[in-house]
Protein backbone atom coordinates (compact mmCIF):
# COMPACT_ATOMS: atom_id res chain seq x y z
CA MET A 1 1.90 43.41 11.16
CA ILE A 2 1.28 40.85 13.91
CA SER A 3 -2.28 40.18 12.76
CA THR A 4 -1.08 39.80 9.17
CA ALA A 5 1.62 37.31 10.22
CA GLN A 6 -0.90 35.38 12.29
CA GLY A 7 -3.32 35.33 9.38
CA THR A 8 -0.58 33.99 7.10
CA LYS A 9 0.29 31.26 9.60
CA VAL A 10 -3.37 30.27 9.89
CA ALA A 11 -3.69 30.12 6.10
CA VAL A 12 -0.54 27.99 5.78
CA SER A 13 -1.78 25.72 8.55
CA LYS A 14 -5.13 25.29 6.81
CA ARG A 15 -3.40 24.45 3.53
CA LYS A 16 -1.20 21.84 5.24
CA SER A 17 -4.24 20.34 7.00
CA GLY A 18 -6.08 20.24 3.68
CA ARG A 19 -3.18 18.50 1.93
CA LEU A 20 -2.88 15.99 4.79
CA LEU A 21 -6.61 15.25 4.69
CA SER A 22 -6.46 14.86 0.91
CA ARG A 23 -3.55 12.42 1.15
CA LEU A 24 -5.23 10.38 3.88
CA LEU A 25 -8.41 10.22 1.81
CA THR A 26 -6.41 9.16 -1.26
CA PHE A 27 -4.57 6.43 0.65
CA GLY A 28 -7.84 5.24 2.18
CA ILE A 29 -9.61 4.96 -1.18
CA THR A 30 -6.57 3.25 -2.71
CA ALA A 31 -6.41 0.72 0.12
CA LEU A 32 -10.15 0.05 -0.20
CA VAL A 33 -9.83 -0.54 -3.94
CA MET A 34 -6.78 -2.78 -3.52
CA ILE A 35 -8.34 -5.07 -0.88
CA PRO A 36 -9.84 -7.54 -3.43
CA PHE A 37 -6.46 -8.26 -5.03
CA PRO A 38 -4.58 -9.62 -1.95
CA TRP A 39 -7.79 -11.40 -0.98
CA MET A 40 -7.82 -13.11 -4.40
CA ILE A 41 -4.22 -14.18 -3.86
CA LEU A 42 -5.13 -15.80 -0.53
CA LEU A 43 -8.20 -17.51 -2.02
CA SER A 44 -6.12 -18.95 -4.86
CA PHE A 45 -4.23 -21.11 -2.33
CA LYS A 46 -7.39 -22.55 -0.74
CA ASP A 47 -9.53 -25.51 -1.73
CA ASN A 48 -13.18 -25.03 -2.71
CA GLN A 49 -14.49 -26.08 0.69
CA SER A 50 -12.35 -23.50 2.52
CA ILE A 51 -13.32 -20.78 0.05
CA LEU A 52 -17.01 -21.40 0.74
CA THR A 53 -16.88 -21.95 4.51
CA ASP A 54 -14.09 -19.61 5.63
CA PRO A 55 -13.15 -17.18 2.82
CA LEU A 56 -11.51 -14.55 5.06
CA SER A 57 -9.01 -16.79 6.88
CA ILE A 58 -5.33 -17.22 6.10
CA PRO A 59 -4.65 -20.53 4.27
CA LYS A 60 -3.23 -23.21 6.56
CA SER A 61 -0.96 -24.39 3.74
CA PHE A 62 -0.10 -22.61 0.53
CA SER A 63 -0.88 -25.18 -2.15
CA LEU A 64 -0.40 -24.56 -5.89
CA GLU A 65 -3.07 -27.11 -6.74
CA ASN A 66 -5.47 -24.47 -8.09
CA TYR A 67 -2.82 -23.07 -10.44
CA VAL A 68 -1.88 -26.54 -11.64
CA ARG A 69 -5.55 -27.26 -12.34
CA ALA A 70 -5.89 -23.93 -14.16
CA PHE A 71 -3.02 -24.82 -16.51
CA GLN A 72 -4.37 -28.35 -16.97
CA THR A 73 -7.87 -27.11 -17.78
CA LEU A 74 -6.86 -24.18 -19.97
CA ASP A 75 -4.20 -23.91 -22.63
CA MET A 76 -2.84 -20.65 -21.21
CA GLY A 77 -0.17 -20.28 -23.89
CA LEU A 78 -2.77 -20.44 -26.68
CA LEU A 79 -5.15 -18.14 -24.81
CA TYR A 80 -2.44 -15.53 -24.24
CA LYS A 81 -1.46 -15.76 -27.91
CA ASN A 82 -5.02 -15.31 -29.16
CA THR A 83 -5.76 -12.41 -26.83
CA PHE A 84 -2.44 -10.70 -27.51
CA PHE A 85 -2.81 -10.97 -31.29
CA ILE A 86 -6.38 -9.68 -31.29
CA ALA A 87 -5.45 -6.82 -28.95
CA VAL A 88 -2.41 -5.72 -30.97
CA VAL A 89 -4.21 -5.72 -34.33
CA SER A 90 -7.41 -4.13 -32.98
CA VAL A 91 -5.64 -1.37 -31.07
CA PHE A 92 -3.23 -0.56 -33.91
CA MET A 93 -5.94 -0.40 -36.58
CA GLY A 94 -8.22 1.58 -34.25
CA LEU A 95 -5.44 4.11 -33.65
CA VAL A 96 -4.72 4.50 -37.37
CA VAL A 97 -8.35 4.92 -38.42
CA SER A 98 -9.31 7.26 -35.57
CA PHE A 99 -6.17 9.38 -36.00
CA MET A 100 -6.81 9.89 -39.71
CA SER A 101 -10.48 10.77 -39.21
CA SER A 102 -9.68 13.06 -36.27
CA PHE A 103 -6.94 14.86 -38.22
CA ALA A 104 -9.37 15.44 -41.08
CA LEU A 105 -12.05 16.78 -38.72
CA SER A 106 -9.73 19.12 -36.86
CA ARG A 107 -7.46 20.37 -39.65
CA MET A 108 -9.00 19.96 -43.09
CA VAL A 109 -11.51 22.38 -44.63
CA PHE A 110 -14.96 21.00 -45.44
CA LYS A 111 -17.34 22.58 -47.94
CA SER A 112 -20.00 22.67 -45.24
CA ASN A 113 -19.46 22.99 -41.50
CA LYS A 114 -22.78 21.20 -41.01
CA TRP A 115 -21.37 18.08 -42.65
CA LYS A 116 -18.19 18.37 -40.61
CA ASN A 117 -20.04 18.79 -37.30
CA GLY A 118 -22.50 16.07 -38.25
CA LEU A 119 -19.69 13.62 -38.98
CA TYR A 120 -18.01 14.44 -35.68
CA LEU A 121 -21.25 13.95 -33.75
CA PHE A 122 -21.83 10.68 -35.60
CA LEU A 123 -18.39 9.40 -34.59
CA ILE A 124 -18.67 10.31 -30.90
CA ALA A 125 -22.34 9.25 -30.64
CA GLY A 126 -21.06 5.73 -30.01
CA LEU A 127 -20.12 6.79 -26.47
CA ALA A 128 -23.83 6.86 -25.65
CA ILE A 129 -24.52 3.38 -27.06
CA PRO A 130 -23.78 0.39 -24.77
CA PRO A 131 -21.85 -2.32 -26.67
CA PHE A 132 -24.36 -4.94 -25.49
CA ILE A 133 -27.03 -3.40 -27.73
CA LEU A 134 -24.78 -4.08 -30.73
CA LEU A 135 -24.35 -7.81 -30.03
CA TYR A 136 -27.25 -9.06 -32.14
CA PRO A 137 -26.71 -6.84 -35.23
CA ILE A 138 -22.97 -7.53 -35.18
CA TYR A 139 -23.67 -11.26 -34.87
CA LYS A 140 -26.01 -11.11 -37.90
CA ILE A 141 -23.45 -9.12 -39.91
CA THR A 142 -20.74 -11.61 -38.98
CA ILE A 143 -22.87 -14.53 -40.13
CA PHE A 144 -23.78 -12.70 -43.36
CA PHE A 145 -20.13 -12.19 -44.30
CA GLY A 146 -19.15 -15.69 -43.15
CA ILE A 147 -16.39 -14.57 -40.79
CA GLU A 148 -17.70 -16.18 -37.59
CA ASN A 149 -15.11 -18.11 -35.58
CA THR A 150 -12.24 -16.06 -36.99
CA TYR A 151 -9.97 -13.42 -35.50
CA LEU A 152 -11.60 -10.91 -37.84
CA SER A 153 -15.01 -11.44 -36.22
CA LEU A 154 -13.61 -9.87 -33.02
CA ILE A 155 -11.09 -7.43 -34.47
CA LEU A 156 -13.66 -5.48 -36.53
CA PRO A 157 -16.13 -4.90 -33.64
CA TYR A 158 -13.27 -3.94 -31.31
CA ILE A 159 -12.04 -1.34 -33.80
CA ALA A 160 -15.56 0.04 -34.24
CA THR A 161 -16.33 0.27 -30.52
CA THR A 162 -13.14 2.20 -29.74
CA LEU A 163 -13.51 4.82 -32.49
CA SER A 164 -15.78 7.14 -30.47
CA PHE A 165 -13.46 7.37 -27.47
CA ASN A 166 -10.38 7.74 -29.67
CA THR A 167 -11.98 10.47 -31.77
CA LEU A 168 -13.08 12.42 -28.70
CA LEU A 169 -9.51 12.58 -27.34
CA PHE A 170 -7.75 13.16 -30.67
CA VAL A 171 -10.06 15.92 -31.90
CA GLY A 172 -10.17 17.63 -28.51
CA PHE A 173 -6.37 17.79 -28.38
CA LEU A 174 -5.80 18.81 -32.01
CA LYS A 175 -8.37 21.61 -31.86
CA ASP A 176 -6.61 23.14 -28.85
CA PHE A 177 -3.19 22.89 -30.46
CA PRO A 178 -2.19 25.82 -32.73
CA SER A 179 -1.90 24.96 -36.41
CA GLU A 180 0.84 27.51 -37.27
CA ILE A 181 3.62 24.90 -37.02
CA GLU A 182 1.85 22.60 -39.46
CA GLU A 183 1.20 25.47 -41.86
CA ALA A 184 4.90 26.42 -41.77
CA VAL A 185 5.91 22.83 -42.60
CA LEU A 186 3.50 22.72 -45.53
CA ILE A 187 4.86 26.04 -46.82
CA ASP A 188 8.37 24.53 -46.74
CA GLY A 189 7.20 21.89 -49.20
CA ALA A 190 6.32 18.90 -47.02
CA ASN A 191 3.43 16.72 -48.12
CA LEU A 192 0.60 15.48 -45.92
CA TYR A 193 2.31 12.19 -45.04
CA ILE A 194 5.54 13.88 -43.93
CA LEU A 195 3.51 16.43 -41.96
CA CYS A 196 1.70 13.69 -40.03
CA ALA A 197 4.79 11.52 -39.49
CA LYS A 198 7.26 14.25 -38.53
CA VAL A 199 5.07 16.86 -36.85
CA VAL A 200 1.56 15.79 -35.87
CA ILE A 201 2.22 12.28 -34.49
CA PRO A 202 5.04 13.45 -32.15
CA ILE A 203 2.70 16.19 -30.91
CA VAL A 204 -0.20 13.84 -30.19
CA LYS A 205 2.02 11.11 -28.71
CA PRO A 206 0.76 11.64 -25.10
CA VAL A 207 -2.86 11.28 -26.21
CA MET A 208 -1.96 8.33 -28.43
CA MET A 209 -0.32 6.52 -25.51
CA THR A 210 -3.41 7.10 -23.36
CA ILE A 211 -5.65 5.70 -26.09
CA LEU A 212 -3.32 2.72 -26.54
CA ILE A 213 -3.51 1.88 -22.81
CA PHE A 214 -7.29 2.18 -22.48
CA ASN A 215 -7.98 0.32 -25.73
CA THR A 216 -5.60 -2.51 -24.83
CA LEU A 217 -7.20 -2.99 -21.42
CA TYR A 218 -10.67 -2.88 -23.00
CA VAL A 219 -9.86 -5.56 -25.60
CA TRP A 220 -8.06 -7.73 -23.04
CA ASN A 221 -11.07 -7.68 -20.68
CA GLU A 222 -13.87 -7.83 -23.26
CA PHE A 223 -16.18 -10.82 -22.85
CA PRO A 224 -19.65 -10.41 -24.51
CA PHE A 225 -18.44 -10.16 -28.12
CA ALA A 226 -15.97 -13.02 -27.62
CA ALA A 227 -18.63 -15.26 -26.06
CA THR A 228 -21.10 -14.48 -28.85
CA LEU A 229 -18.88 -14.63 -31.92
CA ILE A 230 -16.36 -17.35 -31.01
CA THR A 231 -17.24 -20.99 -30.35
CA ASP A 232 -14.02 -22.60 -31.58
CA GLN A 233 -11.87 -23.37 -28.53
CA SER A 234 -8.67 -22.81 -30.49
CA LEU A 235 -9.68 -19.16 -31.00
CA MET A 236 -10.91 -18.38 -27.50
CA THR A 237 -9.62 -15.36 -25.61
CA ILE A 238 -8.50 -15.70 -22.00
CA SER A 239 -11.46 -13.74 -20.57
CA MET A 240 -13.85 -16.13 -22.32
CA ALA A 241 -11.98 -19.31 -21.38
CA ILE A 242 -12.15 -18.61 -17.63
CA SER A 243 -15.87 -19.37 -17.77
CA GLU A 244 -14.91 -23.02 -18.46
CA PHE A 245 -14.51 -23.49 -14.70
CA LYS A 246 -18.24 -22.91 -14.23
CA GLY A 247 -20.22 -26.04 -15.03
CA ARG A 248 -23.96 -26.61 -15.11
CA TYR A 249 -24.15 -28.16 -11.65
CA ASN A 250 -20.86 -27.21 -10.00
CA ILE A 251 -18.35 -24.36 -9.87
CA ASP A 252 -14.60 -24.69 -9.36
CA TYR A 253 -14.04 -21.57 -7.25
CA GLY A 254 -10.33 -22.22 -6.72
CA GLY A 255 -9.78 -22.65 -10.45
CA ILE A 256 -11.71 -19.48 -11.23
CA VAL A 257 -9.71 -17.39 -8.74
CA SER A 258 -6.31 -18.71 -9.85
CA ALA A 259 -7.21 -18.32 -13.55
CA ASN A 260 -8.40 -14.76 -12.90
CA LEU A 261 -5.08 -13.92 -11.26
CA LEU A 262 -3.25 -15.24 -14.32
CA PHE A 263 -5.62 -13.07 -16.35
CA ILE A 264 -5.05 -9.92 -14.27
CA ILE A 265 -1.26 -10.07 -13.79
CA PRO A 266 -0.35 -9.15 -17.42
CA GLN A 267 -2.69 -6.16 -17.15
CA LEU A 268 -1.04 -4.98 -13.95
CA ILE A 269 2.40 -5.25 -15.52
CA PHE A 270 1.22 -3.39 -18.63
CA PHE A 271 -0.48 -0.67 -16.57
CA THR A 272 2.54 -0.26 -14.27
CA ILE A 273 4.86 0.25 -17.24
CA PHE A 274 2.65 2.82 -18.99
CA GLN A 275 0.81 4.48 -16.09
CA LYS A 276 2.67 7.79 -16.35
CA HIS A 277 1.43 8.21 -19.92
CA ILE A 278 -2.19 8.20 -18.73
CA VAL A 279 -1.75 11.41 -16.71
CA GLU A 280 0.27 13.03 -19.51
CA GLY A 281 -2.32 12.11 -22.12
CA MET A 282 -5.39 13.16 -20.13
CA THR A 283 -3.84 16.53 -19.19
CA ALA A 284 -2.23 17.23 -22.59
CA GLY A 285 -3.66 20.38 -24.06
CA ALA A 286 -5.60 21.18 -20.89
CA VAL A 287 -3.52 24.32 -20.28
CA LYS A 288 -3.52 26.71 -23.20
CA GLY A 289 -0.50 28.92 -23.63
């Protein structure tokens, strides 16, 4: 009995030590990842000379000159509007298209499973293709259809480049979820649209929220497509406009840092509001009943 009790105490002690070590490691990694953000805040209050000569010191005076210059150089209101509009339309249309295709792949009966599996592989194959490879063909297609320097020239590529990731999550979740509930609703006389609106969409809501978050952050941060397909300053996104602080012979480091903070803050707010949905969405369907 004594040896058993001692063994139990040792096991409990090991578990506690393991949890403590895991927490310390988590806090350490989090602190390491977060270091650049407070450092950016400090740099945003320095002039260019101080940033270059003594980047790690505390600013002697906290001047808002860099932020004033950022607003004077960039039309932040217009940039936020452009980026927000493109993000909302791209993410919404990407969700609709990928949900419909994923529902068809996971629930509908195909004449040939080879065609079904081939279509699924085709849709998720985009995960293996870097978006940079698509820049030139997409540019040529955009010129061919005459939609360069329009919102549509960015919205269509953003929808296309998010389909693979969206399909992977949607299909993976729907395949693991039992179809008996949907079959019962169809037997009761509901059509396909009612089935999706009343049953399927509420079920896949955690996954949908995860997709919404990742797609929004991707579109907000995307630069190569915007820099290639948009030259009209009135249509620029905020990620593209920040490069205006870098000239041919000089770089405004203070302006770049302050503009980047204005660029990052909306993302932090958005992520903070919806962060709990990421865990729910990534773990949804992981445990089968």
